[in-house]
């Protein structure tokens, strides 16, 4: 079965959990493209594989507005989703999921 989304934006918790169980490669097996932000890469604290594309958010004002509701990592992931079309965002934080829902951002378990 083909995934509905070809592109994913991963939050730090996504990388941390997969790293701990030595299954980071799953992201590459399921998705054609894997993105994250510079904030999330720093929060992860380990080098990410070369196939993870690390991007800075272009619209910093959007990211800052999201930071009023969620932390900077989640805010950057949500802001990046406006710049990378047809992506799904993997986030675990309850407030971030609620914000994603409000903004009509795709995330698992909607």
Foldseek 3Di string as FASTA:
>chain_A
DADPFQEEEEALVVCLVCVVVVNNCVVVVRHVAYEAEPVRCVVNPDDDDPRYHYYFQPPVVQLVVCCVQPPSRLSRSLSVPVVDDRYEYEDDDPSSVVVCVVVVGHYPPD
